[in-house]
Amino acid sequence: MKRKTKSYEKIDTAIRKYDIPKSTLARLIGMWPTDLSAWLNNRLTVSFEREERIKQTVDDIVRVLKATPFRPDLRKPDAVRKMIQAVNEREAQLVSFSDGESSSTAAA
């Protein structure tokens, strides 16, 4: 049996806790759903890069769920991808706004 990593445990927990559809996750990361299920069931090993991609995508979906006041439909990968982009852009604007505020305060 293959060894589970700490990253694997966090990914598995988040998928279960937030009820993330595995088919959507597989499509977003460019992996066959059967391969993702096999990895989650500890029957398949994936490269470190692939595991990091899975982790990043799960983290992105969790951020979307925390940023929205309602439960979005996670069964549509294209819609989830757009929501991830929107949340990332919003966070980038907030960071850029706070950086601009700090520099203008320092200049004054």
N, C-alpha and C. Protein backbone atom coordinates (compact mmCIF):
# COMPACT_ATOMS: atom_id res chain seq x y z
N MET A 1 0.84 -1.18 0.00
CA MET A 1 0.00 0.00 0.00
C MET A 1 0.88 1.24 0.00
N LYS A 2 0.43 2.26 -0.70
CA LYS A 2 1.22 3.47 -0.83
C LYS A 2 1.07 4.34 0.41
N ARG A 3 2.10 5.12 0.65
CA ARG A 3 2.13 5.97 1.83
C ARG A 3 1.38 7.28 1.60
N LYS A 4 0.58 7.69 2.54
CA LYS A 4 -0.16 8.95 2.44
C LYS A 4 0.68 10.08 3.01
N THR A 5 0.68 11.21 2.33
CA THR A 5 1.43 12.37 2.79
C THR A 5 0.50 13.28 3.61
N LYS A 6 1.11 14.24 4.30
CA LYS A 6 0.30 15.21 5.04
C LYS A 6 -0.57 16.01 4.08
N SER A 7 0.00 16.33 2.94
CA SER A 7 -0.74 17.07 1.93
C SER A 7 -1.97 16.27 1.48
N TYR A 8 -1.78 14.96 1.29
CA TYR A 8 -2.89 14.09 0.90
C TYR A 8 -4.01 14.16 1.94
N GLU A 9 -3.63 14.07 3.20
CA GLU A 9 -4.63 14.09 4.28
C GLU A 9 -5.43 15.39 4.26
N LYS A 10 -4.75 16.52 4.05
CA LYS A 10 -5.44 17.82 4.01
C LYS A 10 -6.37 17.91 2.81
N ILE A 11 -5.91 17.41 1.68
CA ILE A 11 -6.72 17.43 0.47
C ILE A 11 -7.96 16.57 0.66
N ASP A 12 -7.77 15.36 1.14
CA ASP A 12 -8.89 14.44 1.36
C ASP A 12 -9.90 15.02 2.34
N THR A 13 -9.41 15.61 3.41
CA THR A 13 -10.30 16.22 4.42
C THR A 13 -11.10 17.37 3.82
N ALA A 14 -10.44 18.23 3.05
CA ALA A 14 -11.13 19.38 2.45
C ALA A 14 -12.18 18.93 1.44
N ILE A 15 -11.86 17.93 0.64
CA ILE A 15 -12.83 17.43 -0.34
C ILE A 15 -14.07 16.92 0.36
N ARG A 16 -13.88 16.20 1.45
CA ARG A 16 -15.03 15.67 2.19
C ARG A 16 -15.79 16.77 2.93
N LYS A 17 -15.06 17.65 3.61
CA LYS A 17 -15.68 18.70 4.40
C LYS A 17 -16.52 19.66 3.54
N TYR A 18 -15.97 20.05 2.40
CA TYR A 18 -16.65 21.02 1.55
C TYR A 18 -17.45 20.37 0.43
N ASP A 19 -17.50 19.06 0.42
CA ASP A 19 -18.30 18.31 -0.55
C ASP A 19 -17.96 18.74 -1.98
N ILE A 20 -16.67 18.71 -2.30
CA ILE A 20 -16.19 19.10 -3.63
C ILE A 20 -16.35 17.89 -4.56
N PRO A 21 -17.08 18.06 -5.66
CA PRO A 21 -17.25 16.93 -6.59
C PRO A 21 -15.92 16.52 -7.21
N LYS A 22 -15.63 15.27 -7.14
CA LYS A 22 -14.35 14.77 -7.67
C LYS A 22 -14.28 14.92 -9.19
N SER A 23 -15.43 14.83 -9.85
CA SER A 23 -15.42 14.99 -11.31
C SER A 23 -15.03 16.42 -11.70
N THR A 24 -15.50 17.39 -10.95
CA THR A 24 -15.13 18.79 -11.21
C THR A 24 -13.66 19.00 -10.93
N LEU A 25 -13.20 18.50 -9.80
CA LEU A 25 -11.80 18.65 -9.43
C LEU A 25 -10.91 18.01 -10.48
N ALA A 26 -11.25 16.81 -10.93
CA ALA A 26 -10.45 16.12 -11.95
C ALA A 26 -10.39 16.93 -13.23
N ARG A 27 -11.50 17.48 -13.63
CA ARG A 27 -11.53 18.27 -14.88
C ARG A 27 -10.68 19.54 -14.74
N LEU A 28 -10.74 20.19 -13.59
CA LEU A 28 -9.98 21.42 -13.38
C LEU A 28 -8.48 21.18 -13.37
N ILE A 29 -8.06 20.01 -12.90
CA ILE A 29 -6.62 19.74 -12.83
C ILE A 29 -6.12 18.95 -14.03
N GLY A 30 -7.03 18.59 -14.94
CA GLY A 30 -6.62 17.86 -16.13
C GLY A 30 -6.23 16.42 -15.85
N MET A 31 -7.02 15.79 -15.01
CA MET A 31 -6.73 14.40 -14.62
C MET A 31 -7.99 13.58 -14.87
N TRP A 32 -7.82 12.33 -15.23
CA TRP A 32 -8.98 11.45 -15.39
C TRP A 32 -9.64 11.26 -14.03
N PRO A 33 -10.98 11.33 -13.97
CA PRO A 33 -11.68 11.12 -12.69
C PRO A 33 -11.32 9.78 -12.03
N THR A 34 -11.13 8.75 -12.84
CA THR A 34 -10.78 7.44 -12.27
C THR A 34 -9.40 7.48 -11.62
N ASP A 35 -8.47 8.23 -12.23
CA ASP A 35 -7.13 8.36 -11.64
C ASP A 35 -7.17 9.15 -10.33
N LEU A 36 -7.98 10.21 -10.31
CA LEU A 36 -8.12 10.99 -9.07
C LEU A 36 -8.71 10.12 -7.97
N SER A 37 -9.75 9.38 -8.29
CA SER A 37 -10.36 8.49 -7.30
C SER A 37 -9.38 7.43 -6.82
N ALA A 38 -8.61 6.88 -7.75
CA ALA A 38 -7.61 5.87 -7.37
C ALA A 38 -6.58 6.48 -6.43
N TRP A 39 -6.15 7.71 -6.71
CA TRP A 39 -5.18 8.38 -5.83
C TRP A 39 -5.80 8.64 -4.45
N LEU A 40 -7.03 9.13 -4.44
CA LEU A 40 -7.70 9.41 -3.17
C LEU A 40 -7.95 8.13 -2.36
N ASN A 41 -8.10 7.00 -3.06
CA ASN A 41 -8.30 5.72 -2.38
C ASN A 41 -6.98 5.00 -2.14
N ASN A 42 -5.89 5.71 -2.37
CA ASN A 42 -4.54 5.21 -2.07
C ASN A 42 -4.15 4.00 -2.91
N ARG A 43 -4.63 3.96 -4.16
CA ARG A 43 -4.26 2.87 -5.06
C ARG A 43 -3.38 3.33 -6.19
N LEU A 44 -3.05 4.62 -6.22
CA LEU A 44 -2.25 5.17 -7.30
C LEU A 44 -1.36 6.26 -6.74
N THR A 45 -0.15 6.33 -7.22
CA THR A 45 0.73 7.44 -6.82
C THR A 45 0.75 8.46 -7.95
N VAL A 46 0.90 9.71 -7.57
CA VAL A 46 1.02 10.78 -8.56
C VAL A 46 2.31 11.54 -8.29
N SER A 47 2.76 12.26 -9.27
CA SER A 47 3.98 13.04 -9.11
C SER A 47 3.76 14.15 -8.08
N PHE A 48 4.86 14.65 -7.55
CA PHE A 48 4.80 15.74 -6.59
C PHE A 48 4.10 16.95 -7.21
N GLU A 49 4.41 17.22 -8.47
CA GLU A 49 3.82 18.37 -9.17
C GLU A 49 2.31 18.21 -9.30
N ARG A 50 1.88 16.99 -9.62
CA ARG A 50 0.43 16.74 -9.75
C ARG A 50 -0.26 16.88 -8.40
N GLU A 51 0.38 16.38 -7.35
CA GLU A 51 -0.21 16.50 -6.01
C GLU A 51 -0.32 17.98 -5.62
N GLU A 52 0.69 18.76 -5.95
CA GLU A 52 0.65 20.20 -5.66
C GLU A 52 -0.47 20.89 -6.44
N ARG A 53 -0.68 20.47 -7.69
CA ARG A 53 -1.75 21.03 -8.51
C ARG A 53 -3.10 20.69 -7.90
N ILE A 54 -3.26 19.48 -7.43
CA ILE A 54 -4.51 19.08 -6.78
C ILE A 54 -4.73 19.93 -5.54
N LYS A 55 -3.69 20.07 -4.73
CA LYS A 55 -3.78 20.85 -3.49
C LYS A 55 -4.15 22.30 -3.79
N GLN A 56 -3.50 22.90 -4.78
CA GLN A 56 -3.77 24.30 -5.12
C GLN A 56 -5.21 24.48 -5.60
N THR A 57 -5.70 23.55 -6.41
CA THR A 57 -7.07 23.65 -6.92
C THR A 57 -8.08 23.49 -5.79
N VAL A 58 -7.84 22.55 -4.88
CA VAL A 58 -8.74 22.38 -3.73
C VAL A 58 -8.72 23.65 -2.88
N ASP A 59 -7.54 24.21 -2.64
CA ASP A 59 -7.43 25.46 -1.88
C ASP A 59 -8.21 26.59 -2.56
N ASP A 60 -8.10 26.67 -3.89
CA ASP A 60 -8.82 27.70 -4.64
C ASP A 60 -10.33 27.53 -4.48
N ILE A 61 -10.81 26.31 -4.57
CA ILE A 61 -12.25 26.06 -4.43
C ILE A 61 -12.71 26.40 -3.02
N VAL A 62 -11.93 26.06 -2.03
CA VAL A 62 -12.28 26.39 -0.64
C VAL A 62 -12.35 27.91 -0.46
N ARG A 63 -11.41 28.65 -1.07
CA ARG A 63 -11.45 30.12 -0.99
C ARG A 63 -12.71 30.67 -1.64
N VAL A 64 -13.13 30.08 -2.76
CA VAL A 64 -14.37 30.49 -3.42
C VAL A 64 -15.55 30.26 -2.48
N LEU A 65 -15.59 29.10 -1.85
CA LEU A 65 -16.70 28.79 -0.94
C LEU A 65 -16.74 29.74 0.26
N LYS A 66 -15.57 30.13 0.75
CA LYS A 66 -15.52 31.05 1.89
C LYS A 66 -15.83 32.48 1.48
N ALA A 67 -15.59 32.82 0.21
CA ALA A 67 -15.79 34.20 -0.26
C ALA A 67 -17.22 34.49 -0.69
N THR A 68 -17.99 33.45 -0.95
CA THR A 68 -19.35 33.66 -1.42
C THR A 68 -20.34 33.45 -0.29
N PRO A 69 -21.37 34.29 -0.24
CA PRO A 69 -22.37 34.16 0.83
C PRO A 69 -23.35 33.01 0.60
N PHE A 70 -23.26 32.37 -0.53
CA PHE A 70 -24.16 31.25 -0.86
C PHE A 70 -23.32 30.07 -1.30
N ARG A 71 -23.93 28.93 -1.40
CA ARG A 71 -23.23 27.71 -1.84
C ARG A 71 -23.32 27.62 -3.37
N PRO A 72 -22.22 27.91 -4.09
CA PRO A 72 -22.27 27.82 -5.54
C PRO A 72 -22.35 26.37 -6.01
N ASP A 73 -22.85 26.19 -7.22
CA ASP A 73 -22.95 24.86 -7.81
C ASP A 73 -21.56 24.44 -8.29
N LEU A 74 -20.97 23.48 -7.62
CA LEU A 74 -19.63 23.03 -7.95
C LEU A 74 -19.60 21.91 -8.99
N ARG A 75 -20.75 21.59 -9.56
CA ARG A 75 -20.80 20.51 -10.54
C ARG A 75 -20.45 20.97 -11.95
N LYS A 76 -20.26 22.29 -12.13
CA LYS A 76 -19.94 22.83 -13.45
C LYS A 76 -18.52 23.36 -13.45
N PRO A 77 -17.56 22.60 -13.97
CA PRO A 77 -16.15 22.99 -13.91
C PRO A 77 -15.85 24.36 -14.51
N ASP A 78 -16.49 24.71 -15.63
CA ASP A 78 -16.22 26.00 -16.25
C ASP A 78 -16.67 27.15 -15.35
N ALA A 79 -17.81 26.99 -14.70
CA ALA A 79 -18.29 28.02 -13.78
C ALA A 79 -17.38 28.12 -12.55
N VAL A 80 -16.91 26.99 -12.06
CA VAL A 80 -16.00 26.98 -10.91
C VAL A 80 -14.70 27.67 -11.29
N ARG A 81 -14.19 27.41 -12.49
CA ARG A 81 -12.96 28.04 -12.96
C ARG A 81 -13.12 29.56 -12.99
N LYS A 82 -14.28 30.04 -13.47
CA LYS A 82 -14.54 31.48 -13.52
C LYS A 82 -14.64 32.08 -12.11
N MET A 83 -15.25 31.34 -11.20
CA MET A 83 -15.35 31.83 -9.82
C MET A 83 -13.96 31.91 -9.18
N ILE A 84 -13.12 30.94 -9.45
CA ILE A 84 -11.74 30.95 -8.92
C ILE A 84 -11.01 32.18 -9.46
N GLN A 85 -11.14 32.45 -10.76
CA GLN A 85 -10.49 33.62 -11.36
C GLN A 85 -11.01 34.91 -10.73
N ALA A 86 -12.32 34.99 -10.51
CA ALA A 86 -12.91 36.20 -9.93
C ALA A 86 -12.39 36.43 -8.50
N VAL A 87 -12.32 35.37 -7.71
CA VAL A 87 -11.83 35.49 -6.34
C VAL A 87 -10.35 35.87 -6.34
N ASN A 88 -9.56 35.27 -7.24
CA ASN A 88 -8.14 35.61 -7.33
C ASN A 88 -7.95 37.07 -7.73
N GLU A 89 -8.76 37.55 -8.69
CA GLU A 89 -8.66 38.95 -9.11
C GLU A 89 -9.05 39.89 -7.97
N ARG A 90 -10.10 39.53 -7.25
CA ARG A 90 -10.54 40.35 -6.11
C ARG A 90 -9.45 40.44 -5.06
N GLU A 91 -8.82 39.31 -4.76
CA GLU A 91 -7.75 39.31 -3.76
C GLU A 91 -6.55 40.11 -4.25
N ALA A 92 -6.25 40.03 -5.54
CA ALA A 92 -5.14 40.80 -6.10
C ALA A 92 -5.43 42.30 -6.02
N GLN A 93 -6.67 42.68 -6.26
CA GLN A 93 -7.05 44.10 -6.16
C GLN A 93 -6.95 44.58 -4.72
N LEU A 94 -7.37 43.74 -3.78
CA LEU A 94 -7.28 44.12 -2.37
C LEU A 94 -5.83 44.30 -1.94
N VAL A 95 -4.95 43.40 -2.40
CA VAL A 95 -3.53 43.49 -2.08
C VAL A 95 -2.95 44.75 -2.72
N SER A 96 -3.29 44.98 -3.98
CA SER A 96 -2.78 46.15 -4.69
C SER A 96 -3.30 47.43 -4.05
N PHE A 97 -4.55 47.45 -3.61
CA PHE A 97 -5.11 48.62 -2.95
C PHE A 97 -4.41 48.88 -1.63
N SER A 98 -4.18 47.84 -0.84
CA SER A 98 -3.53 48.03 0.45
C SER A 98 -2.07 48.43 0.27
N ASP A 99 -1.39 47.92 -0.79
CA ASP A 99 -0.01 48.33 -1.07
C ASP A 99 0.03 49.79 -1.49
N GLY A 100 -0.92 50.21 -2.31
CA GLY A 100 -0.98 51.61 -2.75
C GLY A 100 -1.25 52.54 -1.60
N GLU A 101 -2.08 52.10 -0.67
CA GLU A 101 -2.42 52.90 0.51
C GLU A 101 -1.20 53.07 1.39
N SER A 102 -0.40 52.00 1.54
CA SER A 102 0.80 52.05 2.36
C SER A 102 1.82 53.00 1.76
N SER A 103 2.00 52.95 0.40
CA SER A 103 2.99 53.81 -0.21
C SER A 103 2.58 55.26 -0.17
N SER A 104 1.27 55.54 -0.33
CA SER A 104 0.85 56.94 -0.28
C SER A 104 0.95 57.48 1.12
N THR A 105 0.74 56.65 2.13
CA THR A 105 0.87 57.07 3.52
C THR A 105 2.34 57.34 3.83
N ALA A 106 3.22 56.49 3.31
CA ALA A 106 4.65 56.66 3.56
C ALA A 106 5.17 57.92 2.87
N ALA A 107 4.61 58.25 1.69
CA ALA A 107 5.07 59.42 0.95
C ALA A 107 4.60 60.71 1.61
N ALA A 108 3.51 60.67 2.34
CA ALA A 108 2.94 61.87 2.95
C ALA A 108 3.64 62.30 4.17
